Amino acid sequence: MSDQDREAREAREALERVQRDSETLGSSALARMGQRAGDHFGAKDAIGAAEGGGTDPIELWGRRIGRALSLIGVVILAIWLLIQLRIL
């Protein structure tokens, strides 16, 4: 790794640390977490993931549907667990 690459990586890490440390703990962390969840369920990571940088609409909607179904499954399993523990 060249000196320039190493310096660029160190500078990026320093900027990320400053950004993370300078945020207020409550609102910005919560907003960032909400944004990340929205991006995850909106399948933002699939945009531009195909060969050549294109986006396959079937893959995009497949990810969205799969992630929504997994969220529904987790909620159903949590409710079932609470019923089994006689909390509900």
PDB file of N, CA and C in Angstrom:
ATOM      1  N   MET A   1       0.850  -1.166   0.000  1.00  0.00           N
ATOM      2  CA  MET A   1       0.000   0.000   0.000  1.00  0.00           C
ATOM      3  C   MET A   1       0.901   1.235   0.000  1.00  0.00           C
ATOM      4  N   SER A   2       0.591   2.179  -0.852  1.00  0.00           N
ATOM      5  CA  SER A   2       1.424   3.370  -0.960  1.00  0.00           C
ATOM      6  C   SER A   2       1.141   4.330   0.196  1.00  0.00           C
ATOM      7  N   ASP A   3       2.053   5.265   0.376  1.00  0.00           N
ATOM      8  CA  ASP A   3       1.897   6.248   1.447  1.00  0.00           C
ATOM      9  C   ASP A   3       0.644   7.094   1.244  1.00  0.00           C
ATOM     10  N   GLN A   4       0.346   7.400  -0.012  1.00  0.00           N
ATOM     11  CA  GLN A   4      -0.829   8.228  -0.303  1.00  0.00           C
ATOM     12  C   GLN A   4      -2.120   7.485   0.053  1.00  0.00           C
ATOM     13  N   ASP A   5      -2.199   6.178  -0.257  1.00  0.00           N
ATOM     14  CA  ASP A   5      -3.377   5.387   0.092  1.00  0.00           C
ATOM     15  C   ASP A   5      -3.522   5.283   1.601  1.00  0.00           C
ATOM     16  N   ARG A   6      -2.416   5.086   2.284  1.00  0.00           N
ATOM     17  CA  ARG A   6      -2.449   4.961   3.745  1.00  0.00           C
ATOM     18  C   ARG A   6      -2.905   6.270   4.380  1.00  0.00           C
ATOM     19  N   GLU A   7      -2.394   7.392   3.890  1.00  0.00           N
ATOM     20  CA  GLU A   7      -2.783   8.694   4.421  1.00  0.00           C
ATOM     21  C   GLU A   7      -4.253   8.986   4.143  1.00  0.00           C
ATOM     22  N   ALA A   8      -4.733   8.618   2.967  1.00  0.00           N
ATOM     23  CA  ALA A   8      -6.145   8.829   2.631  1.00  0.00           C
ATOM     24  C   ALA A   8      -7.040   7.994   3.542  1.00  0.00           C
ATOM     25  N   ARG A   9      -6.642   6.756   3.806  1.00  0.00           N
ATOM     26  CA  ARG A   9      -7.429   5.895   4.695  1.00  0.00           C
ATOM     27  C   ARG A   9      -7.448   6.457   6.107  1.00  0.00           C
ATOM     28  N   GLU A  10      -6.303   6.909   6.599  1.00  0.00           N
ATOM     29  CA  GLU A  10      -6.226   7.490   7.937  1.00  0.00           C
ATOM     30  C   GLU A  10      -7.068   8.758   8.042  1.00  0.00           C
ATOM     31  N   ALA A  11      -7.059   9.577   7.002  1.00  0.00           N
ATOM     32  CA  ALA A  11      -7.851  10.804   6.998  1.00  0.00           C
ATOM     33  C   ALA A  11      -9.343  10.485   7.019  1.00  0.00           C
ATOM     34  N   ARG A  12      -9.751   9.470   6.223  1.00  0.00           N
ATOM     35  CA  ARG A  12     -11.157   9.053   6.224  1.00  0.00           C
ATOM     36  C   ARG A  12     -11.578   8.562   7.594  1.00  0.00           C
ATOM     37  N   GLU A  13     -10.746   7.738   8.229  1.00  0.00           N
ATOM     38  CA  GLU A  13     -11.058   7.225   9.561  1.00  0.00           C
ATOM     39  C   GLU A  13     -11.146   8.349  10.576  1.00  0.00           C
ATOM     40  N   ALA A  14     -10.252   9.342  10.479  1.00  0.00           N
ATOM     41  CA  ALA A  14     -10.291  10.475  11.402  1.00  0.00           C
ATOM     42  C   ALA A  14     -11.568  11.285  11.221  1.00  0.00           C
ATOM     43  N   LEU A  15     -11.980  11.514   9.980  1.00  0.00           N
ATOM     44  CA  LEU A  15     -13.219  12.247   9.726  1.00  0.00           C
ATOM     45  C   LEU A  15     -14.437  11.485  10.239  1.00  0.00           C
ATOM     46  N   GLU A  16     -14.446  10.171  10.071  1.00  0.00           N
ATOM     47  CA  GLU A  16     -15.559   9.360  10.582  1.00  0.00           C
ATOM     48  C   GLU A  16     -15.617   9.424  12.104  1.00  0.00           C
ATOM     49  N   ARG A  17     -14.455   9.389  12.762  1.00  0.00           N
ATOM     50  CA  ARG A  17     -14.420   9.493  14.229  1.00  0.00           C
ATOM     51  C   ARG A  17     -14.937  10.839  14.691  1.00  0.00           C
ATOM     52  N   VAL A  18     -14.517  11.913  14.017  1.00  0.00           N
ATOM     53  CA  VAL A  18     -14.969  13.251  14.390  1.00  0.00           C
ATOM     54  C   VAL A  18     -16.467  13.370  14.205  1.00  0.00           C
ATOM     55  N   GLN A  19     -16.981  12.863  13.101  1.00  0.00           N
ATOM     56  CA  GLN A  19     -18.420  12.930  12.852  1.00  0.00           C
ATOM     57  C   GLN A  19     -19.189  12.143  13.907  1.00  0.00           C
ATOM     58  N   ARG A  20     -18.721  10.951  14.217  1.00  0.00           N
ATOM     59  CA  ARG A  20     -19.392  10.101  15.198  1.00  0.00           C
ATOM     60  C   ARG A  20     -19.339  10.717  16.585  1.00  0.00           C
ATOM     61  N   ASP A  21     -18.200  11.301  16.973  1.00  0.00           N
ATOM     62  CA  ASP A  21     -18.037  11.844  18.311  1.00  0.00           C
ATOM     63  C   ASP A  21     -18.707  13.194  18.492  1.00  0.00           C
ATOM     64  N   SER A  22     -18.908  13.949  17.427  1.00  0.00           N
ATOM     65  CA  SER A  22     -19.475  15.280  17.553  1.00  0.00           C
ATOM     66  C   SER A  22     -21.001  15.286  17.539  1.00  0.00           C
ATOM     67  N   GLU A  23     -21.626  14.183  17.217  1.00  0.00           N
ATOM     68  CA  GLU A  23     -23.082  14.136  17.169  1.00  0.00           C
ATOM     69  C   GLU A  23     -23.665  14.104  18.574  1.00  0.00           C
ATOM     70  N   THR A  24     -24.849  14.670  18.698  1.00  0.00           N
ATOM     71  CA  THR A  24     -25.547  14.512  19.960  1.00  0.00           C
ATOM     72  C   THR A  24     -26.051  13.087  20.021  1.00  0.00           C
ATOM     73  N   LEU A  25     -26.050  12.538  21.205  1.00  0.00           N
ATOM     74  CA  LEU A  25     -26.304  11.112  21.356  1.00  0.00           C
ATOM     75  C   LEU A  25     -27.721  10.715  20.979  1.00  0.00           C
ATOM     76  N   GLY A  26     -28.712  11.458  21.381  1.00  0.00           N
ATOM     77  CA  GLY A  26     -30.087  11.022  21.211  1.00  0.00           C
ATOM     78  C   GLY A  26     -30.644  11.156  19.818  1.00  0.00           C
ATOM     79  N   SER A  27     -30.843  12.377  19.362  1.00  0.00           N
ATOM     80  CA  SER A  27     -31.602  12.593  18.135  1.00  0.00           C
ATOM     81  C   SER A  27     -30.858  12.142  16.889  1.00  0.00           C
ATOM     82  N   SER A  28     -29.593  12.453  16.764  1.00  0.00           N
ATOM     83  CA  SER A  28     -28.909  12.120  15.529  1.00  0.00           C
ATOM     84  C   SER A  28     -28.671  10.620  15.401  1.00  0.00           C
ATOM     85  N   ALA A  29     -28.363   9.951  16.503  1.00  0.00           N
ATOM     86  CA  ALA A  29     -28.162   8.509  16.437  1.00  0.00           C
ATOM     87  C   ALA A  29     -29.476   7.818  16.079  1.00  0.00           C
ATOM     88  N   LEU A  30     -30.572   8.297  16.668  1.00  0.00           N
ATOM     89  CA  LEU A  30     -31.880   7.716  16.375  1.00  0.00           C
ATOM     90  C   LEU A  30     -32.280   7.992  14.930  1.00  0.00           C
ATOM     91  N   ALA A  31     -32.026   9.204  14.471  1.00  0.00           N
ATOM     92  CA  ALA A  31     -32.363   9.544  13.086  1.00  0.00           C
ATOM     93  C   ALA A  31     -31.526   8.730  12.111  1.00  0.00           C
ATOM     94  N   ARG A  32     -30.243   8.562  12.412  1.00  0.00           N
ATOM     95  CA  ARG A  32     -29.368   7.781  11.533  1.00  0.00           C
ATOM     96  C   ARG A  32     -29.811   6.320  11.498  1.00  0.00           C
ATOM     97  N   MET A  33     -30.195   5.777  12.652  1.00  0.00           N
ATOM     98  CA  MET A  33     -30.655   4.399  12.704  1.00  0.00           C
ATOM     99  C   MET A  33     -31.955   4.225  11.904  1.00  0.00           C
ATOM    100  N   GLY A  34     -32.855   5.200  12.026  1.00  0.00           N
ATOM    101  CA  GLY A  34     -34.094   5.153  11.257  1.00  0.00           C
ATOM    102  C   GLY A  34     -33.846   5.245   9.762  1.00  0.00           C
ATOM    103  N   GLN A  35     -32.899   6.093   9.396  1.00  0.00           N
ATOM    104  CA  GLN A  35     -32.550   6.222   7.976  1.00  0.00           C
ATOM    105  C   GLN A  35     -31.946   4.932   7.440  1.00  0.00           C
ATOM    106  N   ARG A  36     -31.080   4.301   8.228  1.00  0.00           N
ATOM    107  CA  ARG A  36     -30.469   3.040   7.804  1.00  0.00           C
ATOM    108  C   ARG A  36     -31.527   1.948   7.657  1.00  0.00           C
ATOM    109  N   ALA A  37     -32.506   1.907   8.592  1.00  0.00           N
ATOM    110  CA  ALA A  37     -33.574   0.904   8.493  1.00  0.00           C
ATOM    111  C   ALA A  37     -34.428   1.161   7.257  1.00  0.00           C
ATOM    112  N   GLY A  38     -34.731   2.416   6.997  1.00  0.00           N
ATOM    113  CA  GLY A  38     -35.507   2.756   5.805  1.00  0.00           C
ATOM    114  C   GLY A  38     -34.771   2.390   4.522  1.00  0.00           C
ATOM    115  N   ASP A  39     -33.475   2.661   4.502  1.00  0.00           N
ATOM    116  CA  ASP A  39     -32.679   2.287   3.330  1.00  0.00           C
ATOM    117  C   ASP A  39     -32.609   0.777   3.163  1.00  0.00           C
ATOM    118  N   HIS A  40     -32.524   0.054   4.283  1.00  0.00           N
ATOM    119  CA  HIS A  40     -32.450  -1.409   4.216  1.00  0.00           C
ATOM    120  C   HIS A  40     -33.741  -2.000   3.652  1.00  0.00           C
ATOM    121  N   PHE A  41     -34.882  -1.575   4.216  1.00  0.00           N
ATOM    122  CA  PHE A  41     -36.150  -2.126   3.746  1.00  0.00           C
ATOM    123  C   PHE A  41     -36.548  -1.578   2.384  1.00  0.00           C
ATOM    124  N   GLY A  42     -35.982  -0.458   1.979  1.00  0.00           N
ATOM    125  CA  GLY A  42     -36.213   0.088   0.646  1.00  0.00           C
ATOM    126  C   GLY A  42     -35.263  -0.488  -0.388  1.00  0.00           C
ATOM    127  N   ALA A  43     -34.367  -1.367   0.030  1.00  0.00           N
ATOM    128  CA  ALA A  43     -33.402  -2.063  -0.832  1.00  0.00           C
ATOM    129  C   ALA A  43     -32.487  -1.085  -1.560  1.00  0.00           C
ATOM    130  N   LYS A  44     -32.041  -0.053  -0.853  1.00  0.00           N
ATOM    131  CA  LYS A  44     -31.117   0.911  -1.458  1.00  0.00           C
ATOM    132  C   LYS A  44     -29.787   0.260  -1.815  1.00  0.00           C
ATOM    133  N   ASP A  45     -29.431  -0.844  -1.134  1.00  0.00           N
ATOM    134  CA  ASP A  45     -28.171  -1.512  -1.430  1.00  0.00           C
ATOM    135  C   ASP A  45     -28.217  -2.267  -2.753  1.00  0.00           C
ATOM    136  N   ALA A  46     -29.397  -2.491  -3.306  1.00  0.00           N
ATOM    137  CA  ALA A  46     -29.519  -3.200  -4.576  1.00  0.00           C
ATOM    138  C   ALA A  46     -29.411  -2.263  -5.769  1.00  0.00           C
ATOM    139  N   ILE A  47     -29.529  -0.976  -5.536  1.00  0.00           N
ATOM    140  CA  ILE A  47     -29.478  -0.013  -6.629  1.00  0.00           C
ATOM    141  C   ILE A  47     -28.051   0.079  -7.148  1.00  0.00           C
ATOM    142  N   GLY A  48     -27.881  -0.217  -8.408  1.00  0.00           N
ATOM    143  CA  GLY A  48     -26.568  -0.172  -9.033  1.00  0.00           C
ATOM    144  C   GLY A  48     -25.719  -1.394  -8.745  1.00  0.00           C
ATOM    145  N   ALA A  49     -26.312  -2.471  -8.235  1.00  0.00           N
ATOM    146  CA  ALA A  49     -25.549  -3.659  -7.871  1.00  0.00           C
ATOM    147  C   ALA A  49     -25.381  -4.631  -9.042  1.00  0.00           C
ATOM    148  N   ALA A  50     -26.152  -4.460 -10.095  1.00  0.00           N
ATOM    149  CA  ALA A  50     -26.063  -5.369 -11.235  1.00  0.00           C
ATOM    150  C   ALA A  50     -24.807  -5.085 -12.034  1.00  0.00           C
ATOM    151  N   GLU A  51     -24.498  -5.985 -12.949  1.00  0.00           N
ATOM    152  CA  GLU A  51     -23.326  -5.797 -13.806  1.00  0.00           C
ATOM    153  C   GLU A  51     -23.487  -4.516 -14.613  1.00  0.00           C
ATOM    154  N   GLY A  52     -22.455  -3.751 -14.690  1.00  0.00           N
ATOM    155  CA  GLY A  52     -22.494  -2.507 -15.440  1.00  0.00           C
ATOM    156  C   GLY A  52     -23.119  -1.359 -14.676  1.00  0.00           C
ATOM    157  N   GLY A  53     -23.442  -1.565 -13.415  1.00  0.00           N
ATOM    158  CA  GLY A  53     -24.003  -0.500 -12.595  1.00  0.00           C
ATOM    159  C   GLY A  53     -25.493  -0.290 -12.753  1.00  0.00           C
ATOM    160  N   GLY A  54     -26.162  -1.164 -13.503  1.00  0.00           N
ATOM    161  CA  GLY A  54     -27.599  -1.029 -13.670  1.00  0.00           C
ATOM    162  C   GLY A  54     -28.361  -1.599 -12.490  1.00  0.00           C
ATOM    163  N   THR A  55     -29.657  -1.392 -12.492  1.00  0.00           N
ATOM    164  CA  THR A  55     -30.512  -1.904 -11.428  1.00  0.00           C
ATOM    165  C   THR A  55     -31.560  -2.813 -12.041  1.00  0.00           C
ATOM    166  N   ASP A  56     -31.623  -4.042 -11.552  1.00  0.00           N
ATOM    167  CA  ASP A  56     -32.619  -4.998 -12.012  1.00  0.00           C
ATOM    168  C   ASP A  56     -33.880  -4.801 -11.175  1.00  0.00           C
ATOM    169  N   PRO A  57     -34.992  -4.371 -11.784  1.00  0.00           N
ATOM    170  CA  PRO A  57     -36.215  -4.109 -11.009  1.00  0.00           C
ATOM    171  C   PRO A  57     -36.747  -5.354 -10.296  1.00  0.00           C
ATOM    172  N   ILE A  58     -36.575  -6.520 -10.889  1.00  0.00           N
ATOM    173  CA  ILE A  58     -37.050  -7.749 -10.248  1.00  0.00           C
ATOM    174  C   ILE A  58     -36.258  -8.015  -8.975  1.00  0.00           C
ATOM    175  N   GLU A  59     -34.943  -7.833  -9.044  1.00  0.00           N
ATOM    176  CA  GLU A  59     -34.119  -8.037  -7.856  1.00  0.00           C
ATOM    177  C   GLU A  59     -34.454  -7.010  -6.776  1.00  0.00           C
ATOM    178  N   LEU A  60     -34.687  -5.785  -7.179  1.00  0.00           N
ATOM    179  CA  LEU A  60     -35.026  -4.732  -6.235  1.00  0.00           C
ATOM    180  C   LEU A  60     -36.322  -5.050  -5.501  1.00  0.00           C
ATOM    181  N   TRP A  61     -37.369  -5.407  -6.243  1.00  0.00           N
ATOM    182  CA  TRP A  61     -38.641  -5.725  -5.613  1.00  0.00           C
ATOM    183  C   TRP A  61     -38.576  -7.049  -4.850  1.00  0.00           C
ATOM    184  N   GLY A  62     -37.773  -7.979  -5.327  1.00  0.00           N
ATOM    185  CA  GLY A  62     -37.600  -9.237  -4.597  1.00  0.00           C
ATOM    186  C   GLY A  62     -36.990  -9.002  -3.231  1.00  0.00           C
ATOM    187  N   ARG A  63     -35.993  -8.131  -3.171  1.00  0.00           N
ATOM    188  CA  ARG A  63     -35.380  -7.808  -1.876  1.00  0.00           C
ATOM    189  C   ARG A  63     -36.369  -7.100  -0.973  1.00  0.00           C
ATOM    190  N   ARG A  64     -37.119  -6.158  -1.518  1.00  0.00           N
ATOM    191  CA  ARG A  64     -38.095  -5.430  -0.701  1.00  0.00           C
ATOM    192  C   ARG A  64     -39.149  -6.378  -0.127  1.00  0.00           C
ATOM    193  N   ILE A  65     -39.683  -7.260  -0.977  1.00  0.00           N
ATOM    194  CA  ILE A  65     -40.705  -8.201  -0.528  1.00  0.00           C
ATOM    195  C   ILE A  65     -40.130  -9.166   0.497  1.00  0.00           C
ATOM    196  N   GLY A  66     -38.937  -9.682   0.244  1.00  0.00           N
ATOM    197  CA  GLY A  66     -38.310 -10.614   1.178  1.00  0.00           C
ATOM    198  C   GLY A  66     -38.040  -9.978   2.525  1.00  0.00           C
ATOM    199  N   ARG A  67     -37.581  -8.749   2.525  1.00  0.00           N
ATOM    200  CA  ARG A  67     -37.301  -8.080   3.793  1.00  0.00           C
ATOM    201  C   ARG A  67     -38.577  -7.742   4.538  1.00  0.00           C
ATOM    202  N   ALA A  68     -39.637  -7.383   3.827  1.00  0.00           N
ATOM    203  CA  ALA A  68     -40.917  -7.123   4.482  1.00  0.00           C
ATOM    204  C   ALA A  68     -41.480  -8.405   5.090  1.00  0.00           C
ATOM    205  N   LEU A  69     -41.382  -9.511   4.355  1.00  0.00           N
ATOM    206  CA  LEU A  69     -41.867 -10.783   4.885  1.00  0.00           C
ATOM    207  C   LEU A  69     -41.052 -11.237   6.102  1.00  0.00           C
ATOM    208  N   SER A  70     -39.758 -10.975   6.088  1.00  0.00           N
ATOM    209  CA  SER A  70     -38.940 -11.357   7.239  1.00  0.00           C
ATOM    210  C   SER A  70     -39.320 -10.523   8.464  1.00  0.00           C
ATOM    211  N   LEU A  71     -39.629  -9.248   8.264  1.00  0.00           N
ATOM    212  CA  LEU A  71     -40.062  -8.407   9.380  1.00  0.00           C
ATOM    213  C   LEU A  71     -41.393  -8.897   9.943  1.00  0.00           C
ATOM    214  N   ILE A  72     -42.312  -9.259   9.067  1.00  0.00           N
ATOM    215  CA  ILE A  72     -43.600  -9.798   9.517  1.00  0.00           C
ATOM    216  C   ILE A  72     -43.384 -11.100  10.283  1.00  0.00           C
ATOM    217  N   GLY A  73     -42.486 -11.957   9.791  1.00  0.00           N
ATOM    218  CA  GLY A  73     -42.185 -13.209  10.479  1.00  0.00           C
ATOM    219  C   GLY A  73     -41.603 -12.989  11.865  1.00  0.00           C
ATOM    220  N   VAL A  74     -40.728 -12.024  12.019  1.00  0.00           N
ATOM    221  CA  VAL A  74     -40.145 -11.730  13.330  1.00  0.00           C
ATOM    222  C   VAL A  74     -41.219 -11.242  14.295  1.00  0.00           C
ATOM    223  N   VAL A  75     -42.116 -10.395  13.827  1.00  0.00           N
ATOM    224  CA  VAL A  75     -43.198  -9.900  14.684  1.00  0.00           C
ATOM    225  C   VAL A  75     -44.101 -11.048  15.115  1.00  0.00           C
ATOM    226  N   ILE A  76     -44.445 -11.938  14.190  1.00  0.00           N
ATOM    227  CA  ILE A  76     -45.296 -13.085  14.525  1.00  0.00           C
ATOM    228  C   ILE A  76     -44.599 -13.992  15.535  1.00  0.00           C
ATOM    229  N   LEU A  77     -43.319 -14.271  15.334  1.00  0.00           N
ATOM    230  CA  LEU A  77     -42.584 -15.112  16.284  1.00  0.00           C
ATOM    231  C   LEU A  77     -42.463 -14.456  17.648  1.00  0.00           C
ATOM    232  N   ALA A  78     -42.299 -13.135  17.699  1.00  0.00           N
ATOM    233  CA  ALA A  78     -42.223 -12.434  18.983  1.00  0.00           C
ATOM    234  C   ALA A  78     -43.554 -12.524  19.723  1.00  0.00           C
ATOM    235  N   ILE A  79     -44.647 -12.350  18.999  1.00  0.00           N
ATOM    236  CA  ILE A  79     -45.970 -12.472  19.625  1.00  0.00           C
ATOM    237  C   ILE A  79     -46.187 -13.891  20.117  1.00  0.00           C
ATOM    238  N   TRP A  80     -45.813 -14.876  19.320  1.00  0.00           N
ATOM    239  CA  TRP A  80     -45.959 -16.270  19.729  1.00  0.00           C
ATOM    240  C   TRP A  80     -45.141 -16.557  20.995  1.00  0.00           C
ATOM    241  N   LEU A  81     -43.937 -16.030  21.070  1.00  0.00           N
ATOM    242  CA  LEU A  81     -43.102 -16.218  22.251  1.00  0.00           C
ATOM    243  C   LEU A  81     -43.747 -15.590  23.479  1.00  0.00           C
ATOM    244  N   LEU A  82     -44.268 -14.390  23.327  1.00  0.00           N
ATOM    245  CA  LEU A  82     -44.925 -13.732  24.456  1.00  0.00           C
ATOM    246  C   LEU A  82     -46.157 -14.506  24.912  1.00  0.00           C
ATOM    247  N   ILE A  83     -46.883 -15.104  23.979  1.00  0.00           N
ATOM    248  CA  ILE A  83     -48.041 -15.914  24.341  1.00  0.00           C
ATOM    249  C   ILE A  83     -47.592 -17.171  25.084  1.00  0.00           C
ATOM    250  N   GLN A  84     -46.528 -17.795  24.614  1.00  0.00           N
ATOM    251  CA  GLN A  84     -46.015 -19.005  25.262  1.00  0.00           C
ATOM    252  C   GLN A  84     -45.502 -18.694  26.670  1.00  0.00           C
ATOM    253  N   LEU A  85     -44.960 -17.524  26.874  1.00  0.00           N
ATOM    254  CA  LEU A  85     -44.468 -17.143  28.190  1.00  0.00           C
ATOM    255  C   LEU A  85     -45.590 -16.586  29.065  1.00  0.00           C
ATOM    256  N   ARG A  86     -46.803 -16.561  28.534  1.00  0.00           N
ATOM    257  CA  ARG A  86     -48.014 -16.088  29.199  1.00  0.00           C
ATOM    258  C   ARG A  86     -47.889 -14.624  29.640  1.00  0.00           C
ATOM    259  N   ILE A  87     -47.238 -13.840  28.818  1.00  0.00           N
ATOM    260  CA  ILE A  87     -47.123 -12.406  29.067  1.00  0.00           C
ATOM    261  C   ILE A  87     -48.290 -11.673  28.388  1.00  0.00           C
ATOM    262  N   LEU A  88     -48.759 -12.220  27.285  1.00  0.00           N
ATOM    263  CA  LEU A  88     -49.918 -11.628  26.588  1.00  0.00           C
ATOM    264  C   LEU A  88     -51.169 -12.401  26.900  1.00  0.00           C
TER     265      LEU A  88
END
